[in-house]
Amino acid sequence: MADVPRALASLAHALDGSLSANDAGARRVDVDAWIRVVHAVVRVFRRFGVAFAPAQADLLRNVDKIAAFRHRHRYVEDMLLHEKQQGISQQDPSGTVAVLWTRRSFHFLWWTLEAYLPKHVARVQDVSLRRALAESYAHTLKPYHGIALHLVFQSGLLLAPPTEAFFARLGYDVGHEADVLVHDVEACVCGLRSLVEHVASFYVQHDIEDQTVV
């Protein structure tokens, strides 16, 4: 499927180097790198089908909020600390809230793709996308969703495409490019995990994590 851009390869590329060292040697996330990853994740979300359009729209709204701060802060962490000092971390719109929800979307995609790794399944096509999405949703997003959002996601899960059709939309022929697909899935899972765990740890360390159900 060489004529279709491989969306997971593009995501892996966006994730590569998203965590870097600042002048003091501390690991930091460049704001522009975070924005690139969000747009790459949105391209994957589009392949889940039209039922996930609300999730895509939410990601894009949040990335616009983050982009509004890019001229003042090079690193995501600097933006988060500045907002905490100003007492606006939990206000919306704020960069802190926007990064929180985009981070949760990254976590959701990480867990969805994880289901297709060889350590969990012999063949990619043996795991239904609907099941992978449902299990990921239960672990990552459902704890923060009220009834209305939960129903929206449940509807989206029911309309999810078959596994092979989903990966074909991403640019992969599951039957003939399994090795390429698994390589790109592994790269995305590794990159998303590193980014999510780093930023989640920063939120906990600085007491800005918000468990509010919406």
Protein backbone atom coordinates (compact mmCIF):
# COMPACT_ATOMS: atom_id res chain seq x y z
CA MET A 1 0.00 0.00 0.00
CA ALA A 2 2.81 2.33 -0.93
CA ASP A 3 0.40 4.96 -2.28
CA VAL A 4 -1.15 5.49 1.19
CA PRO A 5 1.00 7.38 3.75
CA ARG A 6 1.64 5.19 6.77
CA ALA A 7 0.07 7.13 9.62
CA LEU A 8 1.81 5.15 12.38
CA ALA A 9 5.22 5.78 10.83
CA SER A 10 4.37 9.49 10.79
CA LEU A 11 3.33 9.34 14.45
CA ALA A 12 6.53 7.50 15.39
CA HIS A 13 8.53 10.19 13.60
CA ALA A 14 6.68 12.95 15.50
CA LEU A 15 7.35 11.16 18.80
CA ASP A 16 11.04 10.68 18.09
CA GLY A 17 12.95 13.32 20.02
CA SER A 18 9.83 14.83 21.61
CA LEU A 19 11.56 14.37 24.97
CA SER A 20 14.85 16.24 25.07
CA ALA A 21 17.23 17.80 27.60
CA ASN A 22 17.03 21.50 28.43
CA ASP A 23 20.06 23.68 29.20
CA ALA A 24 20.19 22.29 32.74
CA GLY A 25 20.13 18.70 31.48
CA ALA A 26 16.58 17.94 32.66
CA ARG A 27 14.21 16.00 30.39
CA ARG A 28 11.64 18.35 28.89
CA VAL A 29 8.94 18.34 26.19
CA ASP A 30 9.18 21.07 23.59
CA VAL A 31 5.78 22.75 23.07
CA ASP A 32 6.15 22.49 19.28
CA ALA A 33 6.97 18.79 19.60
CA TRP A 34 3.82 18.22 21.69
CA ILE A 35 1.75 20.00 19.06
CA ARG A 36 3.24 17.85 16.28
CA VAL A 37 2.39 14.69 18.21
CA VAL A 38 -1.21 15.86 18.73
CA HIS A 39 -1.68 16.40 15.00
CA ALA A 40 -0.17 12.97 14.24
CA VAL A 41 -2.52 11.37 16.80
CA VAL A 42 -5.51 13.13 15.21
CA ARG A 43 -4.57 11.57 11.85
CA VAL A 44 -4.78 8.13 13.50
CA PHE A 45 -8.05 8.95 15.27
CA ARG A 46 -9.62 9.84 11.92
CA ARG A 47 -9.17 6.21 10.85
CA PHE A 48 -11.32 5.02 13.75
CA GLY A 49 -14.33 6.33 11.80
CA VAL A 50 -16.75 9.25 11.85
CA ALA A 51 -18.03 8.29 15.31
CA PHE A 52 -14.71 9.53 16.72
CA ALA A 53 -15.11 12.98 15.17
CA PRO A 54 -15.94 14.53 18.60
CA ALA A 55 -12.68 13.17 20.04
CA GLN A 56 -10.74 14.61 17.09
CA ALA A 57 -12.43 17.99 17.50
CA ASP A 58 -11.61 18.01 21.21
CA LEU A 59 -7.95 17.27 20.50
CA LEU A 60 -7.78 20.10 17.96
CA ARG A 61 -9.46 22.56 20.34
CA ASN A 62 -6.94 21.66 23.03
CA VAL A 63 -3.94 21.93 20.73
CA ASP A 64 -5.11 25.42 19.73
CA LYS A 65 -5.10 26.38 23.43
CA ILE A 66 -1.56 25.02 23.81
CA ALA A 67 -0.37 26.80 20.66
CA ALA A 68 -1.54 30.11 22.15
CA PHE A 69 1.22 29.79 24.77
CA ARG A 70 4.07 28.73 22.48
CA HIS A 71 5.43 32.28 22.09
CA ARG A 72 5.91 32.54 25.88
CA HIS A 73 7.17 29.06 26.76
CA ARG A 74 9.52 26.76 24.89
CA TYR A 75 8.82 23.76 27.11
CA VAL A 76 5.51 22.28 28.22
CA GLU A 77 6.81 22.00 31.78
CA ASP A 78 7.64 25.72 31.94
CA MET A 79 4.09 26.55 30.85
CA LEU A 80 2.64 24.24 33.51
CA LEU A 81 4.77 25.73 36.28
CA HIS A 82 3.96 29.29 35.18
CA GLU A 83 0.21 28.57 35.30
CA LYS A 84 0.52 26.97 38.72
CA GLN A 85 2.35 30.05 40.03
CA GLN A 86 -0.41 32.24 38.58
CA GLY A 87 -3.11 30.07 40.19
CA ILE A 88 -4.81 29.28 36.87
CA SER A 89 -3.87 25.62 36.37
CA GLN A 90 -7.42 24.32 36.77
CA GLN A 91 -9.11 27.07 34.77
CA ASP A 92 -10.34 26.43 31.26
CA PRO A 93 -8.95 27.56 28.90
CA SER A 94 -5.52 26.91 30.32
CA GLY A 95 -2.53 25.12 28.92
CA THR A 96 -2.55 22.81 31.94
CA VAL A 97 -6.06 21.52 31.22
CA ALA A 98 -5.35 21.24 27.49
CA VAL A 99 -2.15 19.24 28.03
CA LEU A 100 -3.95 17.02 30.56
CA TRP A 101 -6.63 15.99 28.08
CA THR A 102 -4.28 15.57 25.13
CA ARG A 103 -2.08 13.42 27.39
CA ARG A 104 -5.10 11.23 28.18
CA SER A 105 -5.79 10.85 24.46
CA PHE A 106 -2.17 9.78 23.95
CA HIS A 107 -2.65 7.23 26.74
CA PHE A 108 -5.82 5.95 25.08
CA LEU A 109 -4.04 5.42 21.75
CA TRP A 110 -1.02 3.82 23.46
CA TRP A 111 -3.24 1.23 25.16
CA THR A 112 -5.21 0.60 21.97
CA LEU A 113 -2.08 -0.09 19.91
CA GLU A 114 -0.51 -2.13 22.73
CA ALA A 115 -3.15 -4.84 22.15
CA TYR A 116 -1.57 -5.58 18.76
CA LEU A 117 1.98 -6.24 19.96
CA PRO A 118 3.35 -9.79 19.51
CA LYS A 119 3.64 -10.28 23.28
CA HIS A 120 -0.17 -10.10 23.46
CA VAL A 121 -1.33 -11.69 20.20
CA ALA A 122 0.08 -14.01 17.53
CA ARG A 123 -1.48 -12.13 14.61
CA VAL A 124 -2.69 -8.54 14.36
CA GLN A 125 -5.95 -9.62 12.77
CA ASP A 126 -6.77 -11.82 15.79
CA VAL A 127 -7.69 -8.78 17.91
CA SER A 128 -10.84 -6.86 17.02
CA LEU A 129 -10.42 -3.11 16.98
CA ARG A 130 -13.68 -2.77 18.90
CA ARG A 131 -12.31 -4.88 21.74
CA ALA A 132 -8.96 -3.05 21.79
CA LEU A 133 -10.71 0.32 21.89
CA ALA A 134 -13.14 -0.80 24.60
CA GLU A 135 -10.41 -2.11 26.88
CA SER A 136 -8.28 0.98 26.34
CA TYR A 137 -11.21 3.30 26.98
CA ALA A 138 -12.08 1.53 30.24
CA HIS A 139 -8.52 1.94 31.48
CA THR A 140 -7.65 5.45 30.29
CA LEU A 141 -10.62 7.76 29.65
CA LYS A 142 -13.74 6.27 31.20
CA PRO A 143 -12.72 7.19 34.81
CA TYR A 144 -12.93 10.88 33.85
CA HIS A 145 -16.10 10.74 31.75
CA GLY A 146 -19.61 11.35 32.97
CA ILE A 147 -22.64 9.55 31.55
CA ALA A 148 -23.00 11.77 28.47
CA LEU A 149 -19.41 11.36 27.27
CA HIS A 150 -19.46 7.67 28.15
CA LEU A 151 -22.48 7.17 25.88
CA VAL A 152 -20.76 9.07 23.06
CA PHE A 153 -17.73 6.79 23.28
CA GLN A 154 -19.86 3.66 23.52
CA SER A 155 -21.58 4.65 20.28
CA GLY A 156 -18.20 5.20 18.66
CA LEU A 157 -16.99 1.78 19.74
CA LEU A 158 -19.98 0.09 18.12
CA LEU A 159 -19.15 1.76 14.80
CA ALA A 160 -15.44 0.96 14.82
CA PRO A 161 -14.21 -0.64 11.57
CA PRO A 162 -12.81 -4.20 11.37
CA THR A 163 -9.15 -4.49 12.32
CA GLU A 164 -7.82 -5.07 8.80
CA ALA A 165 -9.87 -2.19 7.41
CA PHE A 166 -8.58 0.11 10.15
CA PHE A 167 -4.95 -0.68 9.46
CA ALA A 168 -5.56 -0.40 5.71
CA ARG A 169 -6.80 3.14 6.34
CA LEU A 170 -3.53 3.75 8.18
CA GLY A 171 -1.61 2.56 5.10
CA TYR A 172 -0.83 -1.08 5.97
CA ASP A 173 -1.71 -4.38 4.32
CA VAL A 174 -2.06 -6.64 7.37
CA GLY A 175 -1.76 -9.80 5.29
CA HIS A 176 1.48 -8.86 3.54
CA GLU A 177 3.12 -6.16 5.71
CA ALA A 178 2.74 -7.57 9.21
CA ASP A 179 6.41 -7.03 10.10
CA VAL A 180 6.33 -3.39 8.98
CA LEU A 181 3.09 -2.81 10.87
CA VAL A 182 4.37 -4.39 14.10
CA HIS A 183 7.57 -2.33 13.87
CA ASP A 184 5.59 0.91 13.59
CA VAL A 185 3.13 -0.11 16.32
CA GLU A 186 6.04 -0.87 18.67
CA ALA A 187 7.67 2.49 17.90
CA CYS A 188 4.42 4.34 18.61
CA VAL A 189 3.70 2.44 21.82
CA CYS A 190 7.23 3.09 23.10
CA GLY A 191 7.12 6.79 22.21
CA LEU A 192 3.63 7.37 23.58
CA ARG A 193 4.42 5.52 26.81
CA SER A 194 7.55 7.59 27.42
CA LEU A 195 5.75 10.87 26.77
CA VAL A 196 2.65 10.01 28.81
CA GLU A 197 4.59 8.68 31.80
CA HIS A 198 6.95 11.67 31.83
CA VAL A 199 4.18 14.27 31.73
CA ALA A 200 1.91 12.35 34.13
CA SER A 201 4.77 12.17 36.62
CA PHE A 202 5.33 15.92 36.28
CA TYR A 203 1.64 16.60 37.04
CA VAL A 204 1.75 14.44 40.16
CA GLN A 205 5.09 15.86 41.30
CA HIS A 206 3.76 19.44 41.08
CA ASP A 207 0.24 18.66 42.34
CA ILE A 208 -1.61 19.82 39.23
CA GLU A 209 -3.32 16.54 38.32
CA ASP A 210 -7.09 16.97 38.06
CA GLN A 211 -9.39 13.96 38.59
CA THR A 212 -12.60 15.88 37.82
CA VAL A 213 -15.26 13.88 35.93
CA VAL A 214 -16.70 15.77 32.96
